[in-house]
Protein backbone atom coordinates (compact mmCIF):
# COMPACT_ATOMS: atom_id res chain seq x y z
CA MET A 1 -49.61 39.34 -31.48
CA HIS A 2 -48.63 39.05 -35.13
CA ILE A 3 -50.79 40.84 -37.71
CA SER A 4 -50.16 40.12 -41.38
CA TYR A 5 -49.48 43.13 -43.57
CA THR A 6 -51.19 43.81 -46.90
CA GLY A 7 -50.33 46.96 -48.80
CA SER A 8 -47.80 48.69 -50.95
CA GLY A 9 -44.07 48.19 -50.63
CA PRO A 10 -40.91 47.50 -52.64
CA TYR A 11 -41.60 43.84 -53.49
CA CYS A 12 -40.66 44.18 -57.14
CA TYR A 13 -39.36 40.71 -58.01
CA ALA A 14 -41.96 38.87 -55.90
CA ASN A 15 -44.71 40.87 -57.57
CA SER A 16 -43.18 40.30 -60.99
CA PHE A 17 -42.99 36.56 -60.40
CA ALA A 18 -46.61 36.56 -59.25
CA MET A 19 -47.64 38.28 -62.49
CA MET A 20 -45.80 35.67 -64.55
CA PHE A 21 -47.33 32.78 -62.57
CA GLY A 22 -50.82 34.10 -63.28
CA GLU A 23 -53.77 32.26 -61.69
CA ALA A 24 -51.41 29.68 -60.16
CA ALA A 25 -49.43 32.30 -58.22
CA PRO A 26 -49.00 31.85 -54.48
CA SER A 27 -49.12 34.92 -52.30
CA THR A 28 -46.22 37.33 -52.58
CA ALA A 29 -45.48 36.52 -48.92
CA VAL A 30 -44.76 32.90 -49.86
CA ILE A 31 -42.73 33.94 -52.91
CA GLU A 32 -40.63 36.33 -50.82
CA PHE A 33 -40.17 33.71 -48.11
CA ALA A 34 -38.90 31.25 -50.73
CA THR A 35 -36.16 33.70 -51.75
CA SER A 36 -34.73 33.53 -48.18
CA SER A 37 -34.66 37.34 -48.10
CA PRO A 38 -36.02 37.64 -44.52
CA PHE A 39 -33.25 35.52 -43.00
CA GLY A 40 -30.45 37.82 -41.98
CA MET A 41 -28.97 41.29 -42.16
CA GLN A 42 -25.90 42.66 -43.90
CA LEU A 43 -23.83 45.81 -43.74
CA ILE A 44 -21.92 45.83 -47.02
CA GLY A 45 -18.45 47.32 -46.73
CA GLY A 46 -19.40 48.40 -43.22
CA LYS A 47 -21.55 51.19 -44.69
CA LEU A 48 -24.58 50.02 -46.69
CA PRO A 49 -27.28 48.16 -44.73
CA PHE A 50 -29.89 45.72 -45.96
CA PHE A 51 -32.27 43.65 -43.89
CA ASP A 52 -31.54 40.50 -45.88
CA PRO A 53 -28.94 37.72 -45.55
CA TYR A 54 -25.21 38.29 -45.47
CA GLY A 55 -23.81 37.91 -48.99
CA TRP A 56 -27.30 37.62 -50.50
CA ASP A 57 -28.72 39.37 -53.53
CA PRO A 58 -31.97 38.49 -55.31
CA GLU A 59 -30.36 36.70 -58.24
CA ARG A 60 -28.58 34.27 -55.92
CA SER A 61 -31.93 32.89 -54.79
CA PHE A 62 -34.18 32.81 -57.85
CA GLU A 63 -33.50 29.23 -58.95
CA ASP A 64 -34.05 27.92 -55.42
CA THR A 65 -37.23 29.99 -55.26
CA LEU A 66 -38.65 28.58 -58.48
CA THR A 67 -37.75 25.02 -57.44
CA ALA A 68 -39.47 25.40 -54.07
CA LEU A 69 -42.59 26.77 -55.76
CA GLY A 70 -42.65 24.06 -58.44
CA TRP A 71 -41.78 26.24 -61.42
CA THR A 72 -39.06 26.52 -64.04
CA SER A 73 -38.18 29.32 -66.44
CA ASP A 74 -35.63 30.08 -69.11
CA VAL A 75 -33.15 32.85 -68.33
CA VAL A 76 -31.07 34.72 -70.90
CA LYS A 77 -28.62 37.51 -70.12
CA GLY A 78 -25.71 39.53 -71.47
CA GLY A 79 -24.65 40.30 -75.02
CA SER A 80 -25.08 43.54 -76.91
CA ALA A 81 -28.01 45.90 -76.59
CA ASP A 82 -29.08 45.16 -80.17
CA ASP A 83 -29.06 41.41 -79.57
CA ALA A 84 -30.95 41.80 -76.30
CA LEU A 85 -33.63 43.89 -77.96
CA LEU A 86 -34.05 41.30 -80.71
CA ARG A 87 -34.42 38.57 -78.06
CA LEU A 88 -36.99 40.60 -76.17
CA ARG A 89 -39.07 41.38 -79.25
CA ALA A 90 -39.07 37.71 -80.21
CA ALA A 91 -39.99 36.55 -76.70
CA LEU A 92 -42.91 38.99 -76.50
CA ALA A 93 -44.59 37.11 -79.35
CA ASP A 94 -45.31 34.37 -76.77
CA GLY A 95 -46.48 36.64 -73.95
CA PRO A 96 -45.15 38.88 -71.18
CA VAL A 97 -41.46 38.82 -70.27
CA TRP A 98 -39.93 39.13 -66.78
CA VAL A 99 -37.06 41.63 -66.94
CA GLY A 100 -34.41 42.65 -64.44
CA PRO A 101 -32.52 43.78 -62.64
CA VAL A 102 -32.90 47.22 -64.18
CA GLU A 103 -31.65 50.58 -62.93
CA MET A 104 -34.71 52.22 -61.41
CA GLY A 105 -33.36 55.73 -61.95
CA HIS A 106 -33.86 55.40 -65.71
CA LEU A 107 -37.55 54.51 -65.33
CA ARG A 108 -38.67 58.07 -66.01
CA HIS A 109 -42.37 57.31 -65.75
CA GLN A 110 -41.73 57.23 -62.00
CA PRO A 111 -41.86 60.77 -60.58
CA GLY A 112 -38.46 62.17 -59.67
CA MET A 113 -36.43 59.70 -61.72
CA SER A 114 -33.96 61.49 -63.98
CA GLY A 115 -30.86 59.28 -63.96
CA PRO A 116 -29.15 56.38 -62.19
CA ILE A 117 -29.60 56.06 -58.43
CA GLU A 118 -27.94 52.63 -58.06
CA ALA A 119 -31.28 51.01 -57.21
CA ASP A 120 -32.26 47.62 -58.65
CA HIS A 121 -35.76 46.85 -59.87
CA TYR A 122 -37.78 44.23 -61.77
CA VAL A 123 -40.66 44.71 -64.23
CA VAL A 124 -42.90 42.70 -66.54
CA VAL A 125 -42.69 43.86 -70.16
CA LEU A 126 -45.91 43.51 -72.12
CA LYS A 127 -45.19 45.00 -75.53
CA ILE A 128 -42.76 47.04 -77.60
CA ASP A 129 -44.46 49.43 -80.00
CA ARG A 130 -41.94 51.20 -82.23
CA ASP A 131 -39.96 53.36 -79.82
CA TRP A 132 -42.02 52.73 -76.67
CA VAL A 133 -42.13 49.94 -74.10
CA LEU A 134 -45.36 48.96 -72.34
CA MET A 135 -44.88 47.33 -68.93
CA HIS A 136 -46.40 46.48 -65.59
CA ASP A 137 -44.07 48.20 -63.13
CA PRO A 138 -44.79 46.76 -59.65
CA GLN A 139 -43.66 49.97 -58.02
CA GLY A 140 -47.27 51.02 -58.56
CA TYR A 141 -47.53 51.69 -62.29
CA PRO A 142 -49.64 49.20 -64.28
CA TYR A 143 -49.49 49.65 -68.05
CA ALA A 144 -46.68 52.18 -67.78
CA THR A 145 -45.09 53.39 -71.01
CA LEU A 146 -41.45 54.34 -71.33
CA PRO A 147 -39.35 55.45 -74.29
CA LEU A 148 -37.35 52.51 -75.59
CA LYS A 149 -34.10 54.44 -75.19
CA ASP A 150 -34.71 54.92 -71.46
CA PHE A 151 -35.77 51.30 -71.04
CA MET A 152 -32.57 50.04 -72.67
CA GLU A 153 -30.48 52.29 -70.41
CA ALA A 154 -32.27 50.86 -67.40
CA TRP A 155 -31.92 47.29 -68.64
CA ALA A 156 -28.17 47.68 -69.18
CA ALA A 157 -27.91 47.79 -65.36
CA ARG A 158 -24.45 49.35 -65.53
CA THR A 159 -24.77 51.18 -62.21
CA LEU A 160 -26.01 48.24 -60.14
CA SER A 161 -23.86 46.30 -57.69
CA TYR A 162 -25.05 42.91 -58.95
CA GLY A 163 -26.65 41.30 -61.98
CA THR A 164 -25.86 41.01 -65.68
CA SER A 165 -27.02 43.42 -68.35
CA TYR A 166 -30.12 42.49 -70.33
CA THR A 167 -31.34 39.67 -68.10
CA MET A 168 -34.80 38.32 -68.84
CA ARG A 169 -36.86 35.24 -68.01
CA THR A 170 -39.40 33.56 -70.26
CA GLY A 171 -40.97 30.12 -70.64
CA PHE A 172 -42.46 29.92 -67.14
CA VAL A 173 -43.78 26.37 -66.69
CA ARG A 174 -45.45 24.93 -63.63
CA GLN A 175 -43.75 21.56 -63.24
CA ARG A 176 -45.67 20.41 -60.17
CA ASP A 177 -48.50 21.56 -57.98
CA VAL A 178 -46.94 22.78 -54.72
CA SER A 179 -49.12 23.98 -51.87
CA ASP A 180 -48.14 27.10 -49.96
CA VAL A 181 -47.39 25.01 -46.89
CA ASP A 182 -45.12 22.65 -48.84
CA ALA A 183 -43.36 25.60 -50.49
CA ILE A 184 -42.67 27.15 -47.10
CA ARG A 185 -41.36 23.88 -45.67
CA GLY A 186 -39.27 23.29 -48.77
CA SER A 187 -37.65 26.71 -48.42
CA LEU A 188 -36.43 26.18 -44.85
CA PRO A 189 -33.07 24.54 -45.69
CA ALA A 190 -32.06 27.53 -47.82
CA ALA A 191 -33.30 29.91 -45.14
CA ARG A 192 -31.16 28.20 -42.48
CA ARG A 193 -28.15 28.19 -44.77
CA TRP A 194 -28.35 31.92 -45.45
CA LEU A 195 -29.08 32.78 -41.82
CA SER A 196 -26.04 30.77 -40.69
CA MET A 197 -23.77 32.90 -42.97
CA LYS A 198 -22.04 29.74 -44.21
CA ASP A 199 -20.66 29.37 -47.74
CA VAL A 200 -21.37 33.00 -48.61
CA PRO A 201 -19.74 34.63 -51.63
CA SER A 202 -16.83 37.02 -51.34
CA MET A 203 -17.84 40.29 -49.70
CA PRO A 204 -16.22 43.75 -49.68
CA GLU A 205 -13.76 44.43 -46.90
CA GLY A 206 -15.44 45.53 -43.69
CA SER A 207 -18.74 43.78 -44.42
CA LEU A 208 -20.68 42.44 -41.45
CA GLY A 209 -23.68 40.18 -41.03
CA ASN A 210 -26.61 39.62 -38.67
CA GLY A 211 -26.07 40.82 -35.09
CA ALA A 212 -22.69 42.38 -35.83
CA ALA A 213 -24.26 44.28 -38.73
CA ALA A 214 -27.08 45.58 -36.54
CA GLU A 215 -24.66 46.70 -33.83
CA ALA A 216 -22.37 48.44 -36.31
CA LEU A 217 -25.33 50.16 -37.97
CA ALA A 218 -26.48 51.32 -34.54
CA GLY A 219 -23.07 52.95 -34.16
CA LEU A 220 -23.33 54.69 -37.55
CA VAL A 221 -26.85 55.94 -36.87
CA GLY A 222 -26.38 56.81 -33.21
CA LYS A 223 -23.56 59.26 -33.83
CA GLY A 224 -25.69 61.18 -36.33
CA CYS A 225 -26.99 59.45 -39.43
CA ASP A 226 -25.70 60.97 -42.68
CA GLU A 227 -28.35 61.94 -45.20
CA GLY A 228 -27.47 59.33 -47.81
CA LEU A 229 -27.77 56.52 -45.29
CA ARG A 230 -30.96 58.02 -43.87
CA ALA A 231 -32.57 58.21 -47.32
CA HIS A 232 -31.63 54.61 -48.10
CA LEU A 233 -33.13 53.41 -44.82
CA ILE A 234 -36.39 55.37 -44.81
CA HIS A 235 -37.21 55.03 -48.50
CA PHE A 236 -36.24 51.40 -48.99
CA ALA A 237 -34.38 49.27 -46.47
CA VAL A 238 -36.68 49.68 -43.45
CA ARG A 239 -39.87 49.35 -45.51
CA VAL A 240 -38.87 46.15 -47.26
CA GLY A 241 -37.07 44.72 -44.25
CA ALA A 242 -40.06 45.04 -41.94
CA ARG A 243 -42.39 43.55 -44.53
CA ARG A 244 -40.08 40.62 -45.24
CA ALA A 245 -39.78 39.75 -41.57
CA ASN A 246 -43.53 40.12 -41.09
CA ASP A 247 -44.24 37.80 -44.02
CA ALA A 248 -41.69 35.33 -42.65
CA ALA A 249 -43.56 35.30 -39.34
CA ALA A 250 -46.85 34.60 -41.10
CA CYS A 251 -45.33 31.80 -43.19
CA LEU A 252 -43.59 30.17 -40.24
CA ALA A 253 -46.82 30.22 -38.26
CA ARG A 254 -48.62 28.47 -41.13
CA ILE A 255 -46.33 25.45 -40.78
CA GLY A 256 -46.52 25.36 -37.00
CA ARG A 257 -43.08 26.87 -36.34
CA HIS A 258 -44.55 29.23 -33.76
CA GLU A 259 -41.37 29.94 -31.80
CA ALA A 260 -39.55 30.96 -34.97
CA ALA A 261 -42.61 32.95 -36.06
CA GLY A 262 -42.48 34.84 -32.78
CA VAL A 263 -38.85 35.83 -33.32
CA ALA A 264 -39.55 36.92 -36.91
CA ALA A 265 -42.53 38.97 -35.74
CA GLU A 266 -40.30 40.65 -33.14
CA GLN A 267 -37.80 41.46 -35.88
CA ALA A 268 -40.56 42.95 -38.02
CA ARG A 269 -41.68 45.21 -35.19
CA LEU A 270 -38.15 46.33 -34.39
CA ILE A 271 -37.25 47.07 -38.01
CA GLY A 272 -40.56 48.84 -38.62
CA SER A 273 -40.07 50.92 -35.48
CA LEU A 274 -37.00 52.53 -37.09
CA GLN A 275 -39.04 54.50 -39.60
CA HIS A 276 -40.40 57.31 -37.42
CA PRO A 277 -37.22 58.11 -35.46
CA LEU A 278 -35.14 58.10 -38.64
CA VAL A 279 -37.58 60.40 -40.43
CA PHE A 280 -37.66 62.76 -37.43
CA ARG A 281 -33.90 62.49 -36.88
CA ASP A 282 -34.15 60.91 -33.46
CA ASP A 283 -31.07 58.88 -34.27
CA LYS A 284 -30.34 57.72 -30.73
CA ALA A 285 -33.80 56.14 -30.52
CA ALA A 286 -33.22 54.36 -33.84
CA ALA A 287 -29.83 53.12 -32.64
CA ALA A 288 -31.40 51.73 -29.47
CA GLN A 289 -33.88 49.69 -31.54
CA LEU A 290 -31.08 48.33 -33.71
CA LEU A 291 -29.26 47.14 -30.60
CA LYS A 292 -32.43 45.27 -29.58
CA LEU A 293 -32.57 43.74 -33.06
CA ALA A 294 -28.99 42.45 -32.98
CA PRO A 295 -29.46 39.31 -30.82
CA THR A 296 -32.60 38.17 -32.63
CA TYR A 297 -30.68 36.69 -35.57
CA ASP A 298 -28.88 34.12 -33.41
CA ARG A 299 -32.16 33.36 -31.66
CA LEU A 300 -33.93 32.77 -34.95
CA LEU A 301 -31.20 30.46 -36.18
CA ALA A 302 -31.31 28.50 -32.92
CA VAL A 303 -35.06 27.83 -33.14
CA LEU A 304 -34.88 26.97 -36.84
């Protein structure tokens, strides 16, 4: 049985898009599905795991996402900090601005953040008042305030593995009325492409995808998971990976792709089942679940 999940979780860009779409926003499950994020797994450089497609990062999917949902937006990035701040101040005269990726470690309104942690994030900026920024931070902080200096450090994104400094999106326009069902169907070609691991960008040496990534991660975890890898998995990768797969199952069921939905639901359960053993350092149990996960990626591709 598949049960949809509603609750907190690291869905920063999906939540930020939903805020920008306003009353016309589809569910965050549909937005996330349209990014293709649930369709694959990668082990970057043979060391850093993500439960998302091989070679994928959020920015590689945003234009496809907006197209599938019937929206367009204007994106501006790069340049100097001074120029970026001028652009942001000007754009805010017309309403909220979607900003990211930013370095989460500089968002000091979040407890425990005191410097870069190499974690990407997205926010919706509402206002700049002298030396303070007012934002909706989808990590769980509506109307958060942050010193402008810290915000600009975060927005520079110098410690992130992808993205361009000072990226922002404005001018969100709904070009056509797209139902959730049509958006899901329209996203399937991109999902299949990412899951197939074809035409992916250059990856660091030793990188692995899908089943091979799951098997290699099982080896890393099973021999005694190091604390950096454990923290990455239990605080981010498992949480978002299980939710993505669960939302994929719900979306696939909505369009009658029940066999694919069943595989995605199985993936969600397997990824979610990693949380407790990893927290309690039962690494062999976690490795066993990863080995069960490995063949599901080929199965999902076959039924899609």
